[in-house]
N, C-alpha and C. Protein backbone atom coordinates (compact mmCIF):
# COMPACT_ATOMS: atom_id res chain seq x y z
N MET A 1 -10.24 0.10 9.81
CA MET A 1 -11.23 0.44 10.79
C MET A 1 -10.56 1.25 11.89
N PHE A 2 -11.03 2.47 12.12
CA PHE A 2 -10.49 3.33 13.15
C PHE A 2 -11.37 3.25 14.39
N LEU A 3 -10.73 3.19 15.58
CA LEU A 3 -11.45 2.98 16.84
C LEU A 3 -10.94 3.95 17.90
N LEU A 4 -11.83 4.35 18.81
CA LEU A 4 -11.43 5.25 19.88
C LEU A 4 -10.74 4.53 21.03
N ARG A 5 -10.97 3.21 21.13
CA ARG A 5 -10.30 2.43 22.17
C ARG A 5 -9.90 1.07 21.62
N ARG A 6 -9.08 0.40 22.38
CA ARG A 6 -8.60 -0.91 21.96
C ARG A 6 -9.78 -1.86 21.80
N PRO A 7 -9.86 -2.58 20.67
CA PRO A 7 -10.97 -3.53 20.50
C PRO A 7 -10.78 -4.74 21.41
N SER A 8 -11.89 -5.34 21.80
CA SER A 8 -11.85 -6.53 22.63
C SER A 8 -11.35 -7.72 21.81
N SER A 9 -10.98 -8.77 22.48
CA SER A 9 -10.57 -10.00 21.80
C SER A 9 -11.70 -10.52 20.91
N ALA A 10 -12.95 -10.43 21.40
CA ALA A 10 -14.10 -10.89 20.61
C ALA A 10 -14.26 -10.04 19.35
N ALA A 11 -14.05 -8.74 19.46
CA ALA A 11 -14.16 -7.85 18.29
C ALA A 11 -13.06 -8.17 17.26
N ILE A 12 -11.86 -8.47 17.74
CA ILE A 12 -10.76 -8.83 16.83
C ILE A 12 -11.07 -10.16 16.15
N ASP A 13 -11.58 -11.13 16.91
CA ASP A 13 -11.95 -12.42 16.32
C ASP A 13 -13.04 -12.25 15.26
N ARG A 14 -14.02 -11.39 15.53
CA ARG A 14 -15.10 -11.13 14.58
C ARG A 14 -14.54 -10.47 13.31
N PHE A 15 -13.62 -9.51 13.49
CA PHE A 15 -12.97 -8.84 12.36
C PHE A 15 -12.24 -9.87 11.48
N LEU A 16 -11.51 -10.78 12.12
CA LEU A 16 -10.79 -11.82 11.36
C LEU A 16 -11.76 -12.72 10.61
N LEU A 17 -12.84 -13.09 11.25
CA LEU A 17 -13.84 -13.95 10.60
C LEU A 17 -14.45 -13.23 9.39
N GLU A 18 -14.79 -11.96 9.55
CA GLU A 18 -15.38 -11.18 8.46
C GLU A 18 -14.38 -10.92 7.34
N SER A 19 -13.09 -10.97 7.65
CA SER A 19 -12.03 -10.71 6.66
C SER A 19 -11.68 -11.95 5.85
N ARG A 20 -12.01 -13.10 6.35
CA ARG A 20 -11.56 -14.36 5.77
C ARG A 20 -11.80 -14.49 4.27
N ASP A 21 -12.97 -14.08 3.79
CA ASP A 21 -13.31 -14.26 2.38
C ASP A 21 -13.17 -13.00 1.54
N LEU A 22 -12.64 -11.92 2.13
CA LEU A 22 -12.48 -10.69 1.36
C LEU A 22 -11.34 -10.84 0.34
N PRO A 23 -11.48 -10.21 -0.81
CA PRO A 23 -10.38 -10.23 -1.79
C PRO A 23 -9.31 -9.20 -1.39
N VAL A 24 -8.12 -9.31 -1.94
CA VAL A 24 -7.14 -8.25 -1.72
C VAL A 24 -7.67 -7.00 -2.41
N SER A 25 -7.21 -5.85 -1.96
CA SER A 25 -7.77 -4.57 -2.43
C SER A 25 -6.93 -3.91 -3.51
N TYR A 26 -6.09 -4.66 -4.19
CA TYR A 26 -5.21 -4.11 -5.21
C TYR A 26 -4.90 -5.21 -6.21
N SER A 27 -4.26 -4.82 -7.27
CA SER A 27 -3.76 -5.82 -8.22
C SER A 27 -2.58 -5.22 -8.97
N PRO A 28 -1.71 -6.03 -9.46
CA PRO A 28 -1.68 -7.48 -9.34
C PRO A 28 -0.98 -7.90 -8.05
N ILE A 29 -1.29 -9.11 -7.58
CA ILE A 29 -0.51 -9.69 -6.47
C ILE A 29 0.91 -9.84 -6.99
N GLY A 30 1.87 -9.48 -6.16
CA GLY A 30 3.27 -9.49 -6.59
C GLY A 30 3.72 -8.14 -7.12
N ILE A 31 2.94 -7.11 -6.82
CA ILE A 31 3.22 -5.77 -7.32
C ILE A 31 4.62 -5.30 -6.94
N LEU A 32 5.16 -5.80 -5.83
CA LEU A 32 6.51 -5.40 -5.43
C LEU A 32 7.57 -5.93 -6.39
N GLY A 33 7.25 -6.99 -7.12
CA GLY A 33 8.18 -7.52 -8.11
C GLY A 33 8.13 -6.77 -9.42
N ASP A 34 7.06 -5.99 -9.62
CA ASP A 34 6.94 -5.18 -10.83
C ASP A 34 7.87 -3.98 -10.72
N THR A 35 8.05 -3.31 -11.81
CA THR A 35 8.84 -2.08 -11.79
C THR A 35 7.99 -1.00 -11.13
N ILE A 36 8.45 -0.53 -9.98
CA ILE A 36 7.74 0.49 -9.22
C ILE A 36 8.62 1.73 -9.19
N ALA A 37 8.01 2.87 -9.45
CA ALA A 37 8.76 4.12 -9.36
C ALA A 37 9.33 4.26 -7.95
N ALA A 38 10.54 4.77 -7.86
CA ALA A 38 11.23 4.89 -6.58
C ALA A 38 10.40 5.64 -5.54
N ASN A 39 9.62 6.62 -5.96
CA ASN A 39 8.83 7.38 -4.99
C ASN A 39 7.59 6.61 -4.52
N LYS A 40 7.33 5.45 -5.10
CA LYS A 40 6.19 4.62 -4.68
C LYS A 40 6.64 3.42 -3.85
N LEU A 41 7.93 3.26 -3.65
CA LEU A 41 8.48 2.12 -2.95
C LEU A 41 9.15 2.56 -1.65
N ASP A 42 8.80 1.87 -0.58
CA ASP A 42 9.46 2.09 0.71
C ASP A 42 10.24 0.84 1.04
N GLU A 43 11.49 1.01 1.47
CA GLU A 43 12.32 -0.15 1.76
C GLU A 43 13.30 0.18 2.88
N ALA A 44 13.52 -0.81 3.71
CA ALA A 44 14.57 -0.75 4.73
C ALA A 44 15.27 -2.09 4.72
N VAL A 45 16.60 -2.05 4.76
CA VAL A 45 17.41 -3.26 4.80
C VAL A 45 18.43 -3.07 5.91
N VAL A 46 18.57 -4.08 6.76
CA VAL A 46 19.50 -3.99 7.88
C VAL A 46 20.16 -5.35 8.09
N GLN A 47 21.42 -5.31 8.47
CA GLN A 47 22.10 -6.56 8.82
C GLN A 47 21.66 -6.97 10.22
N VAL A 48 21.24 -8.24 10.34
CA VAL A 48 20.78 -8.75 11.63
C VAL A 48 21.69 -9.85 12.17
N GLY A 49 22.72 -10.21 11.41
CA GLY A 49 23.63 -11.24 11.88
C GLY A 49 24.61 -11.65 10.82
N ARG A 50 25.29 -12.78 11.10
CA ARG A 50 26.28 -13.30 10.16
C ARG A 50 26.31 -14.82 10.31
N GLY A 51 26.24 -15.50 9.19
CA GLY A 51 26.39 -16.95 9.21
C GLY A 51 25.09 -17.72 9.31
N LYS A 52 25.25 -19.04 9.20
CA LYS A 52 24.12 -19.96 9.15
C LYS A 52 23.25 -19.92 10.40
N ALA A 53 23.85 -19.89 11.58
CA ALA A 53 23.07 -19.89 12.82
C ALA A 53 22.21 -18.63 12.92
N ASP A 54 22.77 -17.48 12.57
CA ASP A 54 21.99 -16.25 12.61
C ASP A 54 20.88 -16.26 11.56
N PHE A 55 21.18 -16.84 10.38
CA PHE A 55 20.13 -16.94 9.36
C PHE A 55 18.97 -17.79 9.87
N GLU A 56 19.28 -18.91 10.52
CA GLU A 56 18.22 -19.78 11.04
C GLU A 56 17.41 -19.07 12.13
N ARG A 57 18.08 -18.28 12.98
CA ARG A 57 17.36 -17.51 14.01
C ARG A 57 16.49 -16.44 13.35
N ALA A 58 17.00 -15.79 12.30
CA ALA A 58 16.22 -14.77 11.60
C ALA A 58 15.01 -15.39 10.91
N ARG A 59 15.18 -16.55 10.30
CA ARG A 59 14.06 -17.25 9.66
C ARG A 59 13.00 -17.60 10.71
N ALA A 60 13.44 -18.15 11.85
CA ALA A 60 12.51 -18.51 12.92
C ALA A 60 11.78 -17.27 13.45
N ALA A 61 12.48 -16.15 13.54
CA ALA A 61 11.86 -14.90 14.00
C ALA A 61 10.78 -14.44 13.03
N LEU A 62 11.05 -14.55 11.75
CA LEU A 62 10.06 -14.16 10.74
C LEU A 62 8.84 -15.09 10.80
N ILE A 63 9.07 -16.37 10.93
CA ILE A 63 7.97 -17.34 11.01
C ILE A 63 7.10 -17.05 12.24
N ALA A 64 7.73 -16.56 13.32
CA ALA A 64 7.01 -16.22 14.55
C ALA A 64 6.49 -14.77 14.54
N TRP A 65 6.65 -14.06 13.42
CA TRP A 65 6.18 -12.68 13.24
C TRP A 65 6.80 -11.73 14.28
N LYS A 66 8.05 -11.98 14.65
CA LYS A 66 8.73 -11.13 15.64
C LYS A 66 8.90 -9.68 15.14
N GLN A 67 8.85 -9.48 13.82
CA GLN A 67 9.00 -8.13 13.26
C GLN A 67 7.83 -7.23 13.66
N PHE A 68 6.78 -7.81 14.26
CA PHE A 68 5.64 -7.02 14.73
C PHE A 68 5.66 -6.80 16.23
N GLU A 69 6.67 -7.27 16.93
CA GLU A 69 6.74 -7.08 18.39
C GLU A 69 7.34 -5.70 18.68
N LEU A 70 6.49 -4.69 18.56
CA LEU A 70 6.95 -3.31 18.62
C LEU A 70 6.37 -2.53 19.79
N GLY A 71 5.35 -3.07 20.45
CA GLY A 71 4.73 -2.35 21.55
C GLY A 71 3.54 -1.52 21.11
N TRP A 72 3.56 -1.01 19.89
CA TRP A 72 2.46 -0.18 19.40
C TRP A 72 1.76 -0.82 18.20
N VAL A 73 2.26 -1.96 17.73
CA VAL A 73 1.66 -2.73 16.64
C VAL A 73 1.56 -4.18 17.10
N GLU A 74 0.43 -4.81 16.82
CA GLU A 74 0.23 -6.22 17.18
C GLU A 74 -0.37 -6.96 15.99
N ILE A 75 -0.10 -8.26 15.92
CA ILE A 75 -0.64 -9.10 14.86
C ILE A 75 -1.59 -10.12 15.48
N PHE A 76 -2.71 -10.36 14.83
CA PHE A 76 -3.69 -11.36 15.27
C PHE A 76 -4.07 -12.23 14.09
N PRO A 77 -4.23 -13.54 14.32
CA PRO A 77 -3.98 -14.24 15.56
C PRO A 77 -2.49 -14.18 15.90
N ARG A 78 -2.14 -14.52 17.11
CA ARG A 78 -0.73 -14.52 17.53
C ARG A 78 0.00 -15.61 16.75
N GLU A 79 1.14 -15.29 16.19
CA GLU A 79 1.97 -16.22 15.42
C GLU A 79 1.16 -17.03 14.40
N PRO A 80 0.49 -16.34 13.48
CA PRO A 80 -0.26 -17.07 12.45
C PRO A 80 0.68 -17.82 11.52
N PRO A 81 0.20 -18.86 10.85
CA PRO A 81 1.08 -19.59 9.94
C PRO A 81 1.50 -18.73 8.75
N VAL A 82 2.73 -18.89 8.34
CA VAL A 82 3.25 -18.17 7.18
C VAL A 82 2.94 -19.05 5.96
N VAL A 83 1.68 -18.98 5.54
CA VAL A 83 1.18 -19.79 4.43
C VAL A 83 0.31 -18.89 3.56
N THR A 84 0.47 -18.99 2.26
CA THR A 84 -0.35 -18.21 1.35
C THR A 84 -1.82 -18.43 1.69
N GLY A 85 -2.56 -17.33 1.84
CA GLY A 85 -3.98 -17.38 2.17
C GLY A 85 -4.29 -17.05 3.61
N THR A 86 -3.30 -17.08 4.50
CA THR A 86 -3.52 -16.76 5.91
C THR A 86 -3.98 -15.31 6.04
N VAL A 87 -5.06 -15.08 6.77
CA VAL A 87 -5.58 -13.73 7.01
C VAL A 87 -5.15 -13.29 8.40
N VAL A 88 -4.68 -12.05 8.49
CA VAL A 88 -4.26 -11.48 9.76
C VAL A 88 -4.92 -10.12 9.96
N ALA A 89 -4.98 -9.72 11.20
CA ALA A 89 -5.43 -8.37 11.56
C ALA A 89 -4.24 -7.67 12.21
N VAL A 90 -3.93 -6.48 11.73
CA VAL A 90 -2.85 -5.68 12.28
C VAL A 90 -3.50 -4.58 13.12
N LEU A 91 -3.23 -4.61 14.42
CA LEU A 91 -3.77 -3.62 15.35
C LEU A 91 -2.69 -2.59 15.64
N ILE A 92 -3.02 -1.32 15.43
CA ILE A 92 -2.04 -0.24 15.60
C ILE A 92 -2.60 0.79 16.58
N ARG A 93 -1.77 1.18 17.55
CA ARG A 93 -2.12 2.26 18.48
C ARG A 93 -1.33 3.49 18.05
N HIS A 94 -2.05 4.56 17.72
CA HIS A 94 -1.38 5.78 17.26
C HIS A 94 -2.21 7.01 17.56
N LEU A 95 -1.54 8.05 17.97
CA LEU A 95 -2.15 9.36 18.18
C LEU A 95 -3.43 9.31 19.01
N GLY A 96 -3.46 8.45 20.02
CA GLY A 96 -4.61 8.40 20.92
C GLY A 96 -5.78 7.56 20.44
N PHE A 97 -5.65 6.90 19.31
CA PHE A 97 -6.72 6.00 18.87
C PHE A 97 -6.10 4.74 18.27
N TRP A 98 -6.95 3.83 17.83
CA TRP A 98 -6.52 2.54 17.33
C TRP A 98 -7.02 2.34 15.91
N SER A 99 -6.31 1.51 15.17
CA SER A 99 -6.84 1.06 13.87
C SER A 99 -6.62 -0.44 13.76
N LEU A 100 -7.56 -1.09 13.11
CA LEU A 100 -7.52 -2.53 12.88
C LEU A 100 -7.57 -2.72 11.38
N ASN A 101 -6.59 -3.43 10.83
CA ASN A 101 -6.41 -3.51 9.39
C ASN A 101 -6.24 -4.96 8.95
N GLY A 102 -7.00 -5.35 7.93
CA GLY A 102 -6.95 -6.72 7.43
C GLY A 102 -5.94 -6.91 6.32
N CYS A 103 -5.21 -8.05 6.39
CA CYS A 103 -4.21 -8.41 5.37
C CYS A 103 -4.27 -9.91 5.13
N ARG A 104 -3.75 -10.32 3.98
CA ARG A 104 -3.66 -11.74 3.65
C ARG A 104 -2.25 -12.03 3.14
N VAL A 105 -1.66 -13.14 3.61
CA VAL A 105 -0.38 -13.59 3.06
C VAL A 105 -0.64 -13.97 1.61
N VAL A 106 0.08 -13.32 0.68
CA VAL A 106 -0.20 -13.53 -0.75
C VAL A 106 0.87 -14.36 -1.45
N TYR A 107 2.08 -14.42 -0.91
CA TYR A 107 3.10 -15.31 -1.47
C TYR A 107 4.26 -15.43 -0.49
N CYS A 108 5.05 -16.47 -0.71
CA CYS A 108 6.26 -16.69 0.08
C CYS A 108 7.47 -16.50 -0.81
N ALA A 109 8.55 -16.07 -0.22
CA ALA A 109 9.83 -15.87 -0.92
C ALA A 109 10.80 -16.92 -0.40
N GLY A 110 11.35 -17.69 -1.30
CA GLY A 110 12.21 -18.79 -0.86
C GLY A 110 11.34 -19.91 -0.32
N THR A 111 11.97 -20.90 0.26
CA THR A 111 11.25 -22.03 0.84
C THR A 111 11.73 -22.21 2.28
N PRO A 112 10.96 -22.95 3.09
CA PRO A 112 11.39 -23.14 4.48
C PRO A 112 12.76 -23.79 4.63
N ASP A 113 13.23 -24.52 3.62
CA ASP A 113 14.55 -25.16 3.74
C ASP A 113 15.62 -24.49 2.87
N ASP A 114 15.30 -23.35 2.25
CA ASP A 114 16.28 -22.61 1.46
C ASP A 114 17.37 -22.09 2.40
N PRO A 115 18.65 -22.36 2.14
CA PRO A 115 19.72 -21.95 3.06
C PRO A 115 20.10 -20.47 2.99
N ALA A 116 19.47 -19.71 2.09
CA ALA A 116 19.92 -18.32 1.92
C ALA A 116 18.80 -17.30 1.79
N ARG A 117 17.53 -17.72 1.75
CA ARG A 117 16.45 -16.75 1.57
C ARG A 117 15.14 -17.31 2.10
N PHE A 118 14.41 -16.46 2.85
CA PHE A 118 13.08 -16.82 3.30
C PHE A 118 12.30 -15.54 3.56
N GLY A 119 11.03 -15.56 3.22
CA GLY A 119 10.19 -14.43 3.52
C GLY A 119 8.78 -14.63 3.03
N PHE A 120 7.98 -13.61 3.21
CA PHE A 120 6.60 -13.64 2.74
C PHE A 120 6.11 -12.21 2.57
N ALA A 121 5.06 -12.09 1.76
CA ALA A 121 4.42 -10.79 1.55
C ALA A 121 2.96 -10.91 1.94
N TYR A 122 2.43 -9.82 2.48
CA TYR A 122 0.99 -9.79 2.65
C TYR A 122 0.43 -8.61 1.88
N GLY A 123 -0.83 -8.79 1.47
CA GLY A 123 -1.53 -7.74 0.74
C GLY A 123 -2.70 -7.25 1.56
N THR A 124 -3.07 -6.01 1.33
CA THR A 124 -4.17 -5.41 2.08
C THR A 124 -5.52 -5.91 1.60
N LEU A 125 -6.46 -5.92 2.52
CA LEU A 125 -7.85 -6.25 2.23
C LEU A 125 -8.65 -4.94 2.21
N PRO A 126 -9.89 -4.96 1.74
CA PRO A 126 -10.68 -3.72 1.68
C PRO A 126 -10.90 -3.05 3.04
N ASN A 127 -10.75 -3.78 4.15
CA ASN A 127 -10.93 -3.19 5.48
C ASN A 127 -9.62 -2.68 6.08
N HIS A 128 -8.66 -2.39 5.25
CA HIS A 128 -7.38 -1.80 5.65
C HIS A 128 -7.40 -0.33 5.26
N ALA A 129 -6.81 0.54 6.07
CA ALA A 129 -6.81 1.97 5.78
C ALA A 129 -6.01 2.30 4.52
N GLU A 130 -5.01 1.49 4.21
CA GLU A 130 -4.18 1.69 3.03
C GLU A 130 -4.37 0.51 2.09
N GLY A 131 -4.03 0.69 0.83
CA GLY A 131 -3.99 -0.40 -0.13
C GLY A 131 -2.55 -0.68 -0.48
N GLY A 132 -2.20 -1.94 -0.76
CA GLY A 132 -0.84 -2.24 -1.18
C GLY A 132 -0.34 -3.57 -0.67
N GLU A 133 0.97 -3.72 -0.76
CA GLU A 133 1.63 -5.00 -0.46
C GLU A 133 2.91 -4.72 0.32
N GLU A 134 3.26 -5.66 1.21
CA GLU A 134 4.46 -5.51 2.04
C GLU A 134 5.18 -6.85 2.12
N LEU A 135 6.48 -6.81 1.90
CA LEU A 135 7.33 -8.00 1.91
C LEU A 135 8.25 -7.96 3.13
N PHE A 136 8.33 -9.08 3.83
CA PHE A 136 9.25 -9.26 4.96
C PHE A 136 10.17 -10.40 4.57
N GLU A 137 11.49 -10.18 4.59
CA GLU A 137 12.39 -11.18 4.03
C GLU A 137 13.73 -11.17 4.76
N VAL A 138 14.30 -12.36 4.95
CA VAL A 138 15.67 -12.48 5.43
C VAL A 138 16.45 -13.22 4.35
N PHE A 139 17.71 -12.81 4.18
CA PHE A 139 18.54 -13.44 3.15
C PHE A 139 20.01 -13.30 3.53
N VAL A 140 20.82 -14.16 2.94
CA VAL A 140 22.27 -14.10 3.15
C VAL A 140 22.85 -13.31 2.00
N ASP A 141 23.62 -12.29 2.34
CA ASP A 141 24.23 -11.42 1.34
C ASP A 141 25.60 -11.96 0.95
N GLY A 142 25.59 -12.82 -0.05
CA GLY A 142 26.77 -13.33 -0.73
C GLY A 142 27.98 -13.66 0.08
N GLU A 143 29.13 -13.22 -0.43
CA GLU A 143 30.44 -13.60 0.12
C GLU A 143 30.66 -13.10 1.54
N ALA A 144 30.03 -12.00 1.90
CA ALA A 144 30.21 -11.46 3.25
C ALA A 144 29.52 -12.32 4.30
N ASP A 145 28.60 -13.22 3.87
CA ASP A 145 27.86 -14.09 4.76
C ASP A 145 27.02 -13.30 5.77
N ALA A 146 26.69 -12.06 5.39
CA ALA A 146 25.87 -11.20 6.24
C ALA A 146 24.41 -11.61 6.11
N VAL A 147 23.73 -11.71 7.25
CA VAL A 147 22.30 -12.03 7.26
C VAL A 147 21.56 -10.70 7.29
N MET A 148 20.71 -10.50 6.29
CA MET A 148 20.01 -9.23 6.12
C MET A 148 18.52 -9.42 6.32
N TYR A 149 17.87 -8.39 6.87
CA TYR A 149 16.41 -8.34 6.95
C TYR A 149 15.97 -7.20 6.05
N ARG A 150 14.98 -7.49 5.21
CA ARG A 150 14.44 -6.45 4.32
C ARG A 150 12.94 -6.36 4.51
N ILE A 151 12.46 -5.14 4.60
CA ILE A 151 11.03 -4.86 4.56
C ILE A 151 10.83 -3.91 3.39
N ARG A 152 9.92 -4.30 2.51
CA ARG A 152 9.70 -3.55 1.27
C ARG A 152 8.20 -3.41 1.08
N ALA A 153 7.74 -2.19 0.74
CA ALA A 153 6.30 -1.97 0.63
C ALA A 153 5.97 -0.91 -0.41
N THR A 154 4.77 -1.03 -0.90
CA THR A 154 4.17 0.03 -1.70
C THR A 154 2.74 0.18 -1.19
N SER A 155 2.27 1.42 -1.06
CA SER A 155 0.92 1.62 -0.53
C SER A 155 0.37 2.97 -0.96
N TRP A 156 -0.95 3.09 -0.78
CA TRP A 156 -1.66 4.32 -1.10
C TRP A 156 -2.90 4.36 -0.21
N PRO A 157 -3.45 5.56 0.03
CA PRO A 157 -4.62 5.67 0.90
C PRO A 157 -5.82 4.93 0.32
N GLN A 158 -6.55 4.26 1.22
CA GLN A 158 -7.74 3.52 0.81
C GLN A 158 -8.99 4.05 1.52
N THR A 159 -8.78 4.90 2.53
CA THR A 159 -9.90 5.53 3.25
C THR A 159 -9.70 7.04 3.25
N ALA A 160 -10.77 7.76 3.46
CA ALA A 160 -10.69 9.22 3.48
C ALA A 160 -9.76 9.70 4.59
N LEU A 161 -9.85 9.08 5.76
CA LEU A 161 -9.00 9.50 6.88
C LEU A 161 -7.52 9.26 6.57
N ALA A 162 -7.21 8.14 5.93
CA ALA A 162 -5.81 7.87 5.55
C ALA A 162 -5.35 8.87 4.50
N PHE A 163 -6.23 9.26 3.60
CA PHE A 163 -5.87 10.25 2.57
C PHE A 163 -5.59 11.61 3.20
N ILE A 164 -6.49 12.05 4.07
CA ILE A 164 -6.34 13.35 4.74
C ILE A 164 -5.09 13.35 5.62
N GLY A 165 -4.86 12.24 6.30
CA GLY A 165 -3.73 12.14 7.24
C GLY A 165 -2.46 11.58 6.62
N GLN A 166 -2.30 11.67 5.29
CA GLN A 166 -1.18 11.04 4.61
C GLN A 166 0.20 11.40 5.20
N PRO A 167 0.47 12.66 5.58
CA PRO A 167 1.78 12.92 6.21
C PRO A 167 1.99 12.12 7.50
N ILE A 168 0.95 11.96 8.28
CA ILE A 168 1.05 11.18 9.52
C ILE A 168 1.19 9.69 9.18
N VAL A 169 0.42 9.23 8.21
CA VAL A 169 0.51 7.83 7.78
C VAL A 169 1.94 7.52 7.33
N ARG A 170 2.53 8.40 6.53
CA ARG A 170 3.89 8.18 6.03
C ARG A 170 4.89 8.15 7.20
N MET A 171 4.67 9.00 8.19
CA MET A 171 5.54 9.01 9.38
C MET A 171 5.42 7.68 10.13
N LEU A 172 4.19 7.19 10.30
CA LEU A 172 3.97 5.91 10.99
C LEU A 172 4.56 4.74 10.21
N GLN A 173 4.47 4.77 8.89
CA GLN A 173 5.06 3.72 8.07
C GLN A 173 6.58 3.71 8.22
N ALA A 174 7.20 4.88 8.23
CA ALA A 174 8.66 4.97 8.43
C ALA A 174 9.04 4.45 9.82
N ARG A 175 8.25 4.81 10.81
CA ARG A 175 8.49 4.33 12.18
C ARG A 175 8.37 2.81 12.22
N PHE A 176 7.35 2.26 11.55
CA PHE A 176 7.18 0.81 11.53
C PHE A 176 8.41 0.14 10.92
N ARG A 177 8.91 0.63 9.79
CA ARG A 177 10.09 0.02 9.17
C ARG A 177 11.28 0.07 10.12
N ARG A 178 11.51 1.20 10.74
CA ARG A 178 12.63 1.36 11.66
C ARG A 178 12.49 0.42 12.87
N ASP A 179 11.32 0.41 13.48
CA ASP A 179 11.09 -0.43 14.66
C ASP A 179 11.10 -1.92 14.31
N SER A 180 10.59 -2.27 13.12
CA SER A 180 10.60 -3.66 12.68
C SER A 180 12.03 -4.15 12.49
N CYS A 181 12.88 -3.32 11.93
CA CYS A 181 14.30 -3.68 11.77
C CYS A 181 14.94 -3.91 13.13
N ALA A 182 14.65 -3.04 14.09
CA ALA A 182 15.21 -3.20 15.45
C ALA A 182 14.68 -4.48 16.10
N ALA A 183 13.40 -4.79 15.90
CA ALA A 183 12.83 -6.02 16.48
C ALA A 183 13.50 -7.26 15.90
N MET A 184 13.77 -7.25 14.59
CA MET A 184 14.43 -8.39 13.98
C MET A 184 15.89 -8.52 14.45
N LYS A 185 16.56 -7.40 14.67
CA LYS A 185 17.92 -7.46 15.22
C LYS A 185 17.90 -8.11 16.61
N ARG A 186 16.95 -7.69 17.44
CA ARG A 186 16.82 -8.26 18.79
C ARG A 186 16.52 -9.76 18.70
N ALA A 187 15.56 -10.12 17.87
CA ALA A 187 15.14 -11.52 17.77
C ALA A 187 16.27 -12.41 17.26
N THR A 188 17.09 -11.91 16.35
CA THR A 188 18.16 -12.71 15.79
C THR A 188 19.34 -12.83 16.76
N SER A 189 19.54 -11.83 17.59
CA SER A 189 20.67 -11.87 18.51
C SER A 189 20.36 -12.65 19.79
N GLU A 190 19.07 -12.95 20.03
CA GLU A 190 18.71 -13.70 21.23
C GLU A 190 19.23 -15.14 21.13
N ALA A 191 19.72 -15.64 22.24
CA ALA A 191 20.20 -17.02 22.27
C ALA A 191 19.04 -17.98 22.05
N PRO A 192 19.28 -19.08 21.33
CA PRO A 192 18.19 -20.05 21.08
C PRO A 192 17.73 -20.73 22.35
């Protein structure tokens, strides 16, 4: 949904309510685990720390959706539960207008008590400008004990405006990956 001004809290709440029973707009769920052509996959991986304490901070940051604290992207409701089925609205301010996009948490990676991997993926709903799936994950990279944050996505235009503006959409997606990595670095380095 594209808007000329920021939607009110009531409008965002209404959007979330209307999104609750919508199906995901693609198939199959777990598409990121399938073999995807390299030109259809977007990925960024960055080291956000080292060791158990940093991994726990990174996991807590992901659970609190800190990867969305970017200034130009917001998640609603604030700090939604990381549970399969949770519906969220992603509000984006770009190029002088706003967009509100519906997503659903479709699976979790690892478990809350896994000492080396945690994450979740959300899939787009029909009221999202793009179709596809996005994974947010933190993991420990083997012997180096490096704590890594990975964002991995595949998407395609789902609205006419997204199709026409595909070069701009791709630029915004790259900016989101870059800014999300920086947000996770900040969140992991903050003292508990």
